[in-house]
Amino acid sequence: MTTYALLIALSVVLVLLAGGLITIETAITRVSRSLVEEMVTDDVPGAHRLLVIVSDRPRYVNVLLFLSTTLTVTAMALVSYVAIVGLKVDHGWPIGWAIAAVVAVMVVVIYVVLGVAPRTLGRQHAMAVALRTAGIARGLAVVLSPLASLLILVGNALTPGRGYREGPFASQAELRELVDMAEADSLIEDDERQMIHSVFELGDTFAREVMVPRTEMVFIERTKSLRQAMSLGLRSGFSRIPVIGDSADDVVGIVYLKDIVRRVFDRRDAEQSETVESLMRPAFYVPDSKPADELLKDMQAARVHLAIVVDEYGGTGGLVTIEDILEEIVGEIDDEYDTAAPEVAPLDDGSFRVSSRMHVDDFADLVSVDVEGEEEGVDTVLGLMAKRLGRVPIPGASVDVDGWRLTAERGLNRRNRIATVLASPVLAQEIEESVDAR
């Protein structure tokens, strides 16, 4: 057998091996972990090895993809050598024709042998293939996993933006594509597709991205009476209020409105004689860098609905509720009383009703006041009110800013947050009040 024939035979073997690895990779990504766990319980041969693989699926997928790519490239290099040397040198083919022949042959081979056939087999017989090849996959991972991980790090370093720690070849990436295909084929609705993608993205979302910022938190001092706490809860609309000590960075607990009501109902004099500190519950603290999916699990396990978010300096960054996390998946949770208000709504008397989250600079341009967010150290209109008042605004709170009176208005959403701020010219308001007095 000539050298050329040996090289072609070796190329065929390499392509078949690569196809087998792709079949294993496809099968691993298709099997269900819950089904494998049931097989382990039933002592199915190979189930224990397969359970190890599906528990760390991205690692094995990356290794199999790396090895199949290596074998494919090697086969292409051998065929290219045979074509260039054999066809050009021995038979006098032009180099362009030799390369074109290699491309034509390899495109068909790779598309059929490495693209269609192995993936079809892997999907049709996923569990059988995965069970029988689990040992092979584990052995390859032991040898090649470090090298595959190193190449993923190199690829992430060269790719603009944030890379994937486990590589973009993991089963989650393929599942995302399947979800998009299902929506394109009208198997699921667009909102269902978005919800599924939101579940995936929850792991890349951190507590600081979903929390209620510190400027919007309502606190109460530990020395306040139960009556004062009840009044604050009823006026603000919150049933759980953080309790602070010396400052807002010293959150010492959480007081529940229902605990206050129960105590006052049992002992009427308690509303004046007891302080918030006597009824507060321990606070649940989380770092602002904690992934939202892990935070949700921790809050469920601890059976708490509110957590205090701590920044990198140990100060209070904000608070987060289970509802905040769920809204990252299902979107804003509104009830039948909620309305979608525009960011700016001009009123007939020359006043403006603006969103509490409107940027300070945009508000300054709207009403022509000399206020800059960077100088004030705040971003929103509500943040500006909080700074000028020296406390978190509650519904009805007002402050004057360069000839404009800003009044916080209660939101209609389920969280009872300040949704809008009424900005009225102070002079016009005073004239109107004097006319009414006459």
Protein backbone atom coordinates (compact mmCIF):
# COMPACT_ATOMS: atom_id res chain seq x y z
CA MET A 1 0.00 0.00 0.00
CA THR A 2 1.40 3.38 -0.97
CA THR A 3 2.02 6.23 1.45
CA TYR A 4 -0.88 8.17 -0.02
CA ALA A 5 -3.28 5.27 0.56
CA LEU A 6 -2.11 4.94 4.18
CA LEU A 7 -2.65 8.64 4.79
CA ILE A 8 -6.14 8.51 3.27
CA ALA A 9 -6.98 5.43 5.37
CA LEU A 10 -5.73 7.19 8.50
CA SER A 11 -7.85 10.22 7.61
CA VAL A 12 -10.93 8.04 7.31
CA VAL A 13 -10.25 6.48 10.72
CA LEU A 14 -9.78 9.91 12.30
CA VAL A 15 -13.04 11.19 10.81
CA LEU A 16 -14.94 8.14 12.05
CA LEU A 17 -13.45 8.58 15.54
CA ALA A 18 -14.43 12.26 15.50
CA GLY A 19 -17.95 11.25 14.47
CA GLY A 20 -18.12 8.82 17.37
CA LEU A 21 -17.06 11.53 19.82
CA ILE A 22 -19.70 13.89 18.44
CA THR A 23 -22.30 11.14 18.91
CA ILE A 24 -21.23 10.76 22.55
CA GLU A 25 -21.28 14.53 23.05
CA THR A 26 -24.80 14.80 21.62
CA ALA A 27 -26.04 11.92 23.73
CA ILE A 28 -24.61 13.42 26.94
CA THR A 29 -26.35 16.73 26.31
CA ARG A 30 -29.69 15.01 25.70
CA VAL A 31 -29.99 12.67 28.69
CA SER A 32 -32.04 13.73 31.69
CA ARG A 33 -30.32 13.86 35.06
CA SER A 34 -33.48 12.84 36.92
CA LEU A 35 -33.79 9.76 34.70
CA VAL A 36 -30.15 8.86 35.32
CA GLU A 37 -30.72 9.19 39.09
CA GLU A 38 -33.63 6.77 38.80
CA MET A 39 -31.36 4.34 36.94
CA VAL A 40 -28.78 4.61 39.71
CA THR A 41 -31.49 3.69 42.21
CA ASP A 42 -32.40 0.67 40.03
CA ASP A 43 -28.71 -0.35 39.75
CA VAL A 44 -28.61 -0.05 35.97
CA PRO A 45 -25.09 -0.86 34.70
CA GLY A 46 -23.12 2.27 33.86
CA ALA A 47 -25.62 4.60 35.55
CA HIS A 48 -23.20 5.62 38.33
CA ARG A 49 -20.54 6.67 35.81
CA LEU A 50 -23.13 8.55 33.76
CA LEU A 51 -24.42 10.38 36.84
CA VAL A 52 -20.93 11.76 37.44
CA ILE A 53 -20.90 13.08 33.87
CA VAL A 54 -24.33 14.73 33.91
CA SER A 55 -23.47 16.34 37.27
CA ASP A 56 -20.62 18.22 35.54
CA ARG A 57 -21.85 18.14 31.96
CA PRO A 58 -19.96 21.19 30.55
CA ARG A 59 -16.58 19.70 31.46
CA TYR A 60 -17.15 16.51 29.45
CA VAL A 61 -18.81 18.33 26.54
CA ASN A 62 -15.79 20.63 26.24
CA VAL A 63 -13.34 17.71 26.27
CA LEU A 64 -15.25 15.74 23.64
CA LEU A 65 -15.58 18.79 21.42
CA PHE A 66 -11.88 19.58 21.79
CA LEU A 67 -10.83 16.04 20.84
CA SER A 68 -13.27 15.75 17.92
CA THR A 69 -12.01 19.10 16.59
CA THR A 70 -8.41 17.91 16.88
CA LEU A 71 -9.14 14.70 14.98
CA THR A 72 -11.08 16.56 12.29
CA VAL A 73 -8.31 19.13 11.71
CA THR A 74 -5.69 16.36 11.59
CA ALA A 75 -7.72 14.46 8.99
CA MET A 76 -8.10 17.62 6.89
CA ALA A 77 -4.34 18.26 7.08
CA LEU A 78 -3.56 14.72 5.88
CA VAL A 79 -6.02 14.91 3.01
CA SER A 80 -4.65 18.32 2.03
CA TYR A 81 -1.13 16.92 1.98
CA VAL A 82 -2.19 14.02 -0.25
CA ALA A 83 -4.06 16.34 -2.61
CA ILE A 84 -1.30 18.92 -2.93
CA VAL A 85 1.62 16.52 -3.18
CA GLY A 86 -0.08 13.68 -4.98
CA LEU A 87 -2.28 15.60 -7.41
CA LYS A 88 -0.02 18.58 -8.03
CA VAL A 89 3.45 17.04 -7.93
CA ASP A 90 2.78 13.54 -9.22
CA HIS A 91 -0.08 14.24 -11.60
CA GLY A 92 0.56 17.85 -12.50
CA TRP A 93 -2.72 19.31 -11.26
CA PRO A 94 -2.80 23.09 -10.76
CA ILE A 95 -2.60 23.99 -7.05
CA GLY A 96 -6.00 25.68 -7.24
CA TRP A 97 -7.68 22.56 -8.57
CA ALA A 98 -6.02 20.41 -5.91
CA ILE A 99 -7.23 22.67 -3.11
CA ALA A 100 -10.72 22.86 -4.62
CA ALA A 101 -10.88 19.05 -4.68
CA VAL A 102 -9.90 18.87 -1.01
CA VAL A 103 -12.50 21.46 -0.05
CA ALA A 104 -15.28 19.74 -2.00
CA VAL A 105 -14.54 16.31 -0.52
CA MET A 106 -14.07 17.48 3.07
CA VAL A 107 -17.19 19.68 3.09
CA VAL A 108 -19.32 16.69 2.10
CA VAL A 109 -17.57 14.36 4.54
CA ILE A 110 -17.69 16.76 7.49
CA TYR A 111 -21.30 17.77 6.86
CA VAL A 112 -22.56 14.20 6.52
CA VAL A 113 -20.19 12.14 8.68
CA LEU A 114 -19.58 14.73 11.39
CA GLY A 115 -22.67 16.91 11.18
CA VAL A 116 -25.77 14.93 10.34
CA ALA A 117 -25.13 11.25 11.04
CA PRO A 118 -23.52 11.36 14.53
CA ARG A 119 -25.89 13.97 15.91
CA THR A 120 -28.89 12.05 14.62
CA LEU A 121 -27.64 8.85 16.27
CA GLY A 122 -26.87 10.73 19.48
CA ARG A 123 -30.39 12.10 19.67
CA GLN A 124 -32.18 8.91 18.64
CA HIS A 125 -30.30 6.68 21.10
CA ALA A 126 -29.16 9.20 23.70
CA MET A 127 -29.52 7.07 26.83
CA ALA A 128 -28.08 3.89 25.31
CA VAL A 129 -25.06 5.70 23.85
CA ALA A 130 -24.45 7.70 27.04
CA LEU A 131 -24.58 4.60 29.27
CA ARG A 132 -22.20 2.57 27.09
CA THR A 133 -19.67 5.35 26.57
CA ALA A 134 -19.67 6.96 30.03
CA GLY A 135 -16.40 5.27 30.93
CA ILE A 136 -14.72 6.50 27.74
CA ALA A 137 -15.86 10.06 28.37
CA ARG A 138 -14.59 10.01 31.95
CA GLY A 139 -11.22 8.65 30.89
CA LEU A 140 -10.77 11.29 28.21
CA ALA A 141 -11.78 14.03 30.66
CA VAL A 142 -9.10 12.98 33.14
CA VAL A 143 -6.39 13.38 30.50
CA LEU A 144 -7.62 16.32 28.40
CA SER A 145 -9.80 18.43 30.70
CA PRO A 146 -6.96 20.73 31.87
CA LEU A 147 -5.92 21.46 28.29
CA ALA A 148 -9.51 22.16 27.18
CA SER A 149 -10.04 24.50 30.14
CA LEU A 150 -6.82 26.36 29.32
CA LEU A 151 -7.92 26.91 25.72
CA ILE A 152 -11.30 28.18 26.94
CA LEU A 153 -9.51 30.74 29.14
CA VAL A 154 -7.41 31.83 26.17
CA GLY A 155 -10.51 32.14 24.00
CA ASN A 156 -12.31 34.21 26.63
CA ALA A 157 -9.29 36.50 26.94
CA LEU A 158 -9.24 37.14 23.20
CA THR A 159 -13.02 37.58 22.89
CA PRO A 160 -14.49 41.06 23.51
CA GLY A 161 -16.93 41.24 26.39
CA ARG A 162 -17.58 38.74 29.12
CA GLY A 163 -16.72 35.14 28.28
CA TYR A 164 -18.18 31.87 29.55
CA ARG A 165 -16.21 30.26 32.36
CA GLU A 166 -17.26 26.77 31.25
CA GLY A 167 -17.06 27.56 27.56
CA PRO A 168 -19.80 28.41 25.06
CA PHE A 169 -20.18 24.74 24.12
CA ALA A 170 -22.00 23.75 27.32
CA SER A 171 -25.43 22.19 27.19
CA GLN A 172 -27.05 25.42 28.41
CA ALA A 173 -25.94 27.24 25.27
CA GLU A 174 -27.41 24.47 23.13
CA LEU A 175 -30.61 24.53 25.15
CA ARG A 176 -30.91 28.28 24.53
CA GLU A 177 -30.74 27.60 20.81
CA LEU A 178 -33.36 24.88 21.12
CA VAL A 179 -35.65 27.32 22.91
CA ASP A 180 -35.22 29.88 20.11
CA MET A 181 -35.92 27.19 17.52
CA ALA A 182 -39.04 26.08 19.40
CA GLU A 183 -40.34 29.66 19.38
CA ALA A 184 -39.53 30.02 15.67
CA ASP A 185 -41.49 26.84 14.98
CA SER A 186 -44.46 28.20 17.02
CA LEU A 187 -44.10 25.43 19.62
CA ILE A 188 -43.87 28.02 22.41
CA GLU A 189 -44.88 31.65 22.66
CA ASP A 190 -42.43 34.54 22.62
CA ASP A 191 -43.10 35.44 26.26
CA GLU A 192 -42.42 31.83 27.25
CA ARG A 193 -39.12 31.94 25.36
CA GLN A 194 -38.15 35.14 27.17
CA MET A 195 -39.04 33.61 30.52
CA ILE A 196 -36.84 30.56 29.88
CA HIS A 197 -33.95 32.79 28.85
CA SER A 198 -34.48 34.84 32.02
CA VAL A 199 -34.04 31.69 34.10
CA PHE A 200 -30.67 31.08 32.45
CA GLU A 201 -29.62 34.70 32.92
CA LEU A 202 -30.52 34.65 36.60
CA GLY A 203 -27.17 33.03 37.36
CA ASP A 204 -25.40 35.97 35.70
CA THR A 205 -27.44 38.54 37.65
CA PHE A 206 -26.11 39.78 40.98
CA ALA A 207 -27.89 41.00 44.08
CA ARG A 208 -26.86 44.61 43.48
CA GLU A 209 -28.68 44.54 40.12
CA VAL A 210 -32.07 43.55 41.57
CA MET A 211 -31.96 45.23 44.98
CA VAL A 212 -33.91 48.26 46.12
CA PRO A 213 -31.16 50.89 46.49
CA ARG A 214 -30.40 52.38 49.86
CA THR A 215 -31.83 55.75 48.80
CA GLU A 216 -35.28 54.13 48.47
CA MET A 217 -35.20 52.14 51.69
CA VAL A 218 -37.41 53.05 54.63
CA PHE A 219 -35.68 52.60 58.02
CA ILE A 220 -36.70 52.98 61.63
CA GLU A 221 -34.46 53.52 64.66
CA ARG A 222 -34.30 50.76 67.24
CA THR A 223 -35.34 53.19 70.00
CA LYS A 224 -38.65 54.20 68.38
CA SER A 225 -41.88 53.10 70.03
CA LEU A 226 -44.17 50.45 68.59
CA ARG A 227 -46.74 53.14 67.86
CA GLN A 228 -44.23 55.07 65.76
CA ALA A 229 -43.26 51.90 63.91
CA MET A 230 -46.91 51.05 63.23
CA SER A 231 -47.52 54.57 61.96
CA LEU A 232 -44.49 54.36 59.65
CA GLY A 233 -45.62 50.98 58.33
CA LEU A 234 -49.13 52.21 57.59
CA ARG A 235 -47.95 55.43 55.95
CA SER A 236 -45.23 53.80 53.86
CA GLY A 237 -47.22 50.68 53.00
CA PHE A 238 -44.40 48.29 53.98
CA SER A 239 -44.99 45.33 56.26
CA ARG A 240 -41.27 44.65 56.87
CA ILE A 241 -39.02 47.56 57.87
CA PRO A 242 -35.25 47.43 58.53
CA VAL A 243 -34.24 48.56 62.01
CA ILE A 244 -31.06 50.63 62.33
CA GLY A 245 -28.79 51.54 65.22
CA ASP A 246 -26.34 54.41 64.91
CA SER A 247 -26.73 54.92 61.14
CA ALA A 248 -28.20 53.44 57.98
CA ASP A 249 -25.08 51.28 57.69
CA ASP A 250 -25.92 49.69 61.05
CA VAL A 251 -28.94 47.52 60.23
CA VAL A 252 -29.54 45.51 63.39
CA GLY A 253 -32.76 43.70 62.49
CA ILE A 254 -36.13 43.67 60.74
CA VAL A 255 -39.43 44.56 62.36
CA TYR A 256 -42.64 43.02 61.03
CA LEU A 257 -45.87 44.99 61.09
CA LYS A 258 -47.85 41.87 61.96
CA ASP A 259 -45.67 41.33 65.05
CA ILE A 260 -46.38 44.88 66.17
CA VAL A 261 -50.13 44.53 65.59
CA ARG A 262 -50.21 41.24 67.51
CA ARG A 263 -48.33 42.72 70.47
CA VAL A 264 -50.48 45.87 70.59
CA PHE A 265 -53.64 43.77 70.30
CA ASP A 266 -52.57 41.63 73.28
CA ARG A 267 -51.21 44.55 75.34
CA ARG A 268 -52.63 47.95 74.52
CA ASP A 269 -50.06 49.85 76.57
CA ALA A 270 -47.19 48.20 74.64
CA GLU A 271 -47.46 50.68 71.79
CA GLN A 272 -46.03 53.38 74.05
CA SER A 273 -44.06 51.39 76.60
CA GLU A 274 -42.11 49.08 74.28
CA THR A 275 -39.58 49.90 71.58
CA VAL A 276 -38.99 48.45 68.15
CA GLU A 277 -35.89 46.67 69.43
CA SER A 278 -38.01 44.38 71.60
CA LEU A 279 -39.84 42.91 68.60
CA MET A 280 -37.32 43.04 65.76
CA ARG A 281 -36.17 39.82 64.14
CA PRO A 282 -32.60 39.02 63.00
CA ALA A 283 -31.66 40.48 59.62
CA PHE A 284 -30.50 38.28 56.76
CA TYR A 285 -27.35 39.75 55.19
CA VAL A 286 -26.01 38.98 51.71
CA PRO A 287 -23.08 40.44 49.72
CA ASP A 288 -23.97 42.57 46.70
CA SER A 289 -21.93 40.21 44.50
CA LYS A 290 -24.08 37.15 45.25
CA PRO A 291 -25.71 35.61 42.14
CA ALA A 292 -29.47 36.00 42.14
CA ASP A 293 -30.19 32.29 41.64
CA GLU A 294 -28.10 31.34 44.68
CA LEU A 295 -29.69 34.15 46.68
CA LEU A 296 -33.17 32.84 45.89
CA LYS A 297 -32.20 29.35 47.10
CA ASP A 298 -30.65 30.74 50.30
CA MET A 299 -33.70 32.88 51.08
CA GLN A 300 -36.00 29.91 50.49
CA ALA A 301 -33.87 27.73 52.77
CA ALA A 302 -33.75 30.41 55.49
CA ARG A 303 -37.49 31.11 55.05
CA VAL A 304 -37.00 34.86 54.79
CA HIS A 305 -38.58 37.24 52.30
CA LEU A 306 -36.23 40.18 52.76
CA ALA A 307 -32.44 40.39 52.82
CA ILE A 308 -30.10 43.30 53.52
CA VAL A 309 -27.51 43.74 50.75
CA VAL A 310 -24.04 44.68 51.99
CA ASP A 311 -21.53 46.40 49.70
CA GLU A 312 -17.80 45.74 49.47
CA TYR A 313 -17.07 48.23 52.26
CA GLY A 314 -19.47 46.63 54.72
CA GLY A 315 -22.09 49.34 54.36
CA THR A 316 -25.75 48.93 53.50
CA GLY A 317 -26.17 48.87 49.73
CA GLY A 318 -29.89 48.18 49.68
CA LEU A 319 -32.40 45.43 50.29
CA VAL A 320 -33.75 42.64 48.14
CA THR A 321 -36.95 40.63 48.37
CA ILE A 322 -37.98 37.34 46.84
CA GLU A 323 -40.36 39.31 44.65
CA ASP A 324 -37.45 41.34 43.25
CA ILE A 325 -35.76 38.11 42.15
CA LEU A 326 -38.91 36.57 40.71
CA GLU A 327 -39.52 39.69 38.65
CA GLU A 328 -36.23 39.02 36.88
CA ILE A 329 -37.90 35.89 35.50
CA VAL A 330 -41.55 36.81 34.98
CA GLY A 331 -41.24 40.59 34.63
CA GLU A 332 -42.87 43.30 36.71
CA ILE A 333 -45.51 41.86 39.03
CA ASP A 334 -48.49 44.21 38.94
CA ASP A 335 -52.03 43.93 40.18
CA GLU A 336 -55.33 45.18 38.74
CA TYR A 337 -54.73 48.69 40.11
CA ASP A 338 -51.38 49.24 38.42
CA THR A 339 -51.10 51.69 35.55
CA ALA A 340 -48.20 52.42 33.25
CA ALA A 341 -47.41 56.08 33.90
CA PRO A 342 -45.20 58.09 31.53
CA GLU A 343 -41.91 59.46 32.84
CA VAL A 344 -43.17 63.05 32.48
CA ALA A 345 -46.82 64.16 32.59
CA PRO A 346 -47.49 67.93 32.24
CA LEU A 347 -50.46 69.21 34.29
CA ASP A 348 -52.84 72.08 33.52
CA ASP A 349 -51.57 74.30 36.35
CA GLY A 350 -47.98 74.26 35.05
CA SER A 351 -46.87 71.45 37.33
CA PHE A 352 -45.26 68.19 36.24
CA ARG A 353 -45.76 64.66 37.49
CA VAL A 354 -42.47 62.84 36.91
CA SER A 355 -41.22 59.34 37.59
CA SER A 356 -39.36 58.99 40.87
CA ARG A 357 -36.57 57.26 38.93
CA MET A 358 -36.19 60.09 36.42
CA HIS A 359 -32.57 61.18 36.14
CA VAL A 360 -31.73 64.37 38.02
CA ASP A 361 -30.10 65.98 34.98
CA ASP A 362 -33.16 65.31 32.82
CA PHE A 363 -35.39 66.78 35.51
CA ALA A 364 -33.17 69.85 35.78
CA ASP A 365 -33.50 70.42 32.02
CA LEU A 366 -37.26 69.98 32.24
CA VAL A 367 -37.91 72.64 34.91
CA SER A 368 -34.78 74.76 34.32
CA VAL A 369 -33.18 74.43 37.75
CA ASP A 370 -29.48 74.58 38.54
CA VAL A 371 -29.00 71.04 39.79
CA GLU A 372 -26.48 68.45 38.60
CA GLY A 373 -26.60 64.82 39.60
CA GLU A 374 -22.82 64.48 39.74
CA GLU A 375 -22.46 67.40 42.15
CA GLU A 376 -25.37 66.23 44.29
CA GLY A 377 -24.08 62.68 44.37
CA VAL A 378 -27.45 61.23 43.34
CA ASP A 379 -28.94 59.91 40.12
CA THR A 380 -32.73 60.12 40.48
CA VAL A 381 -35.34 62.67 41.51
CA LEU A 382 -36.21 60.54 44.53
CA GLY A 383 -32.53 60.44 45.46
CA LEU A 384 -32.42 64.25 45.26
CA MET A 385 -35.41 64.48 47.61
CA ALA A 386 -33.79 62.05 50.04
CA LYS A 387 -30.61 64.12 50.14
CA ARG A 388 -32.40 67.41 50.66
CA LEU A 389 -34.72 65.95 53.30
CA GLY A 390 -32.00 64.00 55.08
CA ARG A 391 -34.18 60.88 55.13
CA VAL A 392 -36.02 58.54 52.82
CA PRO A 393 -39.15 60.23 51.44
CA ILE A 394 -42.49 58.67 52.22
CA PRO A 395 -45.81 59.55 50.54
CA GLY A 396 -46.66 63.19 51.24
CA ALA A 397 -43.10 64.28 51.98
CA SER A 398 -42.06 67.48 50.17
CA VAL A 399 -38.98 69.61 49.67
CA ASP A 400 -38.28 72.88 47.82
CA VAL A 401 -35.61 72.90 45.12
CA ASP A 402 -34.81 76.21 43.39
CA GLY A 403 -38.39 77.48 43.22
CA TRP A 404 -40.02 74.08 42.74
CA ARG A 405 -41.79 72.05 45.39
CA LEU A 406 -41.25 68.31 45.02
CA THR A 407 -43.91 66.13 46.66
CA ALA A 408 -43.59 62.35 46.87
CA GLU A 409 -46.68 60.44 45.76
CA ARG A 410 -47.63 56.90 46.71
CA GLY A 411 -47.23 54.30 43.98
CA LEU A 412 -50.07 52.04 42.96
CA ASN A 413 -47.92 48.95 42.61
CA ARG A 414 -47.80 46.10 45.06
CA ARG A 415 -44.61 47.33 46.70
CA ASN A 416 -46.06 50.70 47.69
CA ARG A 417 -42.89 52.45 46.58
CA ILE A 418 -42.80 56.11 45.68
CA ALA A 419 -43.67 55.90 41.99
CA THR A 420 -44.07 59.56 41.04
CA VAL A 421 -43.05 63.01 42.27
CA LEU A 422 -45.24 66.08 41.80
CA ALA A 423 -43.13 69.12 40.84
CA SER A 424 -45.01 72.39 41.31
CA PRO A 425 -43.79 76.02 41.06
CA VAL A 426 -43.63 77.33 44.61
CA LEU A 427 -44.79 80.87 43.73
CA ALA A 428 -47.84 79.70 41.80
CA GLN A 429 -48.78 77.38 44.61
CA GLU A 430 -48.54 80.14 47.24
CA ILE A 431 -50.76 82.49 45.14
CA GLU A 432 -53.34 79.76 44.76
CA GLU A 433 -53.36 79.10 48.50
CA SER A 434 -53.86 82.81 49.27
CA VAL A 435 -56.79 83.04 46.83
CA ASP A 436 -58.40 79.98 48.40
CA ALA A 437 -57.99 81.56 51.83
CA ARG A 438 -60.02 84.62 50.74
